[in-house]
Protein backbone atom coordinates (compact mmCIF):
# COMPACT_ATOMS: atom_id res chain seq x y z
CA MET A 1 -10.48 -3.78 -33.50
CA THR A 2 -11.15 -4.09 -29.78
CA VAL A 3 -8.66 -5.34 -27.21
CA LYS A 4 -9.33 -7.84 -24.43
CA HIS A 5 -7.25 -7.36 -21.27
CA LEU A 6 -7.26 -10.67 -19.37
CA VAL A 7 -6.35 -10.81 -15.69
CA LEU A 8 -6.01 -14.10 -13.81
CA ILE A 9 -5.77 -13.65 -10.05
CA GLU A 10 -4.26 -16.01 -7.52
CA THR A 11 -5.06 -14.73 -4.03
CA ASN A 12 -2.87 -15.04 -0.98
CA ASP A 13 -3.83 -17.45 1.79
CA GLY A 14 -6.03 -15.82 4.42
CA VAL A 15 -7.66 -13.26 2.13
CA THR A 16 -11.18 -12.49 3.34
CA ASP A 17 -14.35 -12.49 1.27
CA ALA A 18 -14.71 -8.77 2.04
CA GLU A 19 -11.27 -8.06 0.57
CA VAL A 20 -12.09 -10.04 -2.56
CA GLN A 21 -15.45 -8.28 -2.94
CA GLU A 22 -13.78 -4.87 -2.61
CA VAL A 23 -11.35 -5.75 -5.40
CA MET A 24 -14.07 -7.19 -7.63
CA ALA A 25 -16.21 -4.07 -7.16
CA GLY A 26 -13.16 -1.93 -7.93
CA ILE A 27 -12.51 -3.80 -11.16
CA ILE A 28 -16.14 -3.47 -12.24
CA ALA A 29 -16.08 0.27 -11.48
CA LEU A 30 -13.24 0.82 -13.95
CA LYS A 31 -15.78 0.84 -16.78
CA ASP A 32 -17.25 4.10 -15.52
CA LYS A 33 -13.91 5.65 -14.61
CA ILE A 34 -11.54 5.01 -17.50
CA PRO A 35 -12.17 6.22 -21.05
CA GLY A 36 -12.06 3.46 -23.63
CA VAL A 37 -13.24 0.69 -21.30
CA LEU A 38 -16.29 -0.82 -23.01
CA GLU A 39 -17.06 -3.79 -20.78
CA VAL A 40 -15.81 -5.51 -17.63
CA LYS A 41 -16.52 -9.10 -16.69
CA ILE A 42 -15.16 -10.74 -13.56
CA GLY A 43 -15.94 -13.89 -11.68
CA ASN A 44 -14.78 -16.74 -9.50
CA ASN A 45 -12.85 -19.54 -11.16
CA PHE A 46 -14.96 -22.67 -10.80
CA SER A 47 -12.67 -24.92 -12.84
CA ASP A 48 -10.17 -27.36 -11.40
CA ARG A 49 -7.98 -26.97 -14.51
CA ALA A 50 -6.14 -24.05 -12.89
CA PRO A 51 -6.87 -24.53 -9.18
CA HIS A 52 -4.47 -21.79 -8.10
CA ILE A 53 -6.49 -19.16 -10.00
CA SER A 54 -9.29 -17.84 -7.79
CA HIS A 55 -10.73 -15.12 -10.05
CA ALA A 56 -10.53 -13.93 -13.64
CA ALA A 57 -11.38 -10.63 -15.26
CA VAL A 58 -11.86 -9.70 -18.90
CA ILE A 59 -11.76 -5.98 -19.65
CA THR A 60 -12.74 -4.97 -23.19
CA LEU A 61 -11.19 -1.75 -24.46
CA THR A 62 -11.76 0.17 -27.67
CA ASP A 63 -8.22 -0.27 -29.01
CA LYS A 64 -4.51 -0.48 -28.17
CA ASP A 65 -4.36 3.26 -27.45
CA ALA A 66 -7.06 2.84 -24.80
CA LEU A 67 -5.07 -0.07 -23.33
CA ALA A 68 -1.92 2.07 -23.22
CA ALA A 69 -3.83 4.76 -21.27
CA TYR A 70 -5.55 2.21 -19.00
CA GLY A 71 -2.50 1.09 -16.99
CA PRO A 72 -1.32 4.51 -15.81
CA HIS A 73 -4.84 5.90 -15.31
CA PRO A 74 -5.36 7.06 -11.67
CA ALA A 75 -8.43 4.80 -11.23
CA HIS A 76 -6.37 1.76 -12.27
CA GLN A 77 -3.51 2.80 -10.01
CA ASP A 78 -5.95 3.16 -7.09
CA LEU A 79 -7.28 -0.33 -7.80
CA LEU A 80 -3.77 -1.76 -7.72
CA LYS A 81 -3.37 -0.41 -4.18
CA ILE A 82 -6.11 -2.79 -2.97
CA LEU A 83 -5.44 -5.62 -5.43
CA MET A 84 -1.70 -6.11 -4.96
CA PRO A 85 -1.81 -6.81 -1.20
CA ILE A 86 -4.25 -9.70 -1.71
CA ALA A 87 -2.68 -11.12 -4.88
CA LYS A 88 -0.14 -13.88 -4.62
CA ASN A 89 0.21 -13.80 -8.39
CA LEU A 90 -1.33 -12.06 -11.40
CA THR A 91 -1.23 -13.35 -14.94
CA ILE A 92 -1.99 -10.75 -17.60
CA ALA A 93 -2.60 -11.21 -21.32
CA ASP A 94 -3.81 -8.76 -23.96
CA ILE A 95 -5.35 -9.87 -27.25
CA ASP A 96 -6.85 -8.22 -30.34
CA VAL A 97 -10.32 -9.41 -31.25
């Protein structure tokens, strides 16, 4: 059974498009850097139902073991170094599918 790792991003005021693009590219690159990552989808939130959320990512992993290894992986930790300064808030959820 695969796992979906959902990330909802609320960016800080004043974040540039270049900063957002760097983070989005970094999230997409995780697929080629972290074992067990099967697919990465990310995009801008176009809905007014959660206007504070600017972007959302869905990372599909092989299983819960892959998810457990994902967080501490050096590529993920490197991504956090560029994501956290631009994020006002992150909402994370993990589901079995």
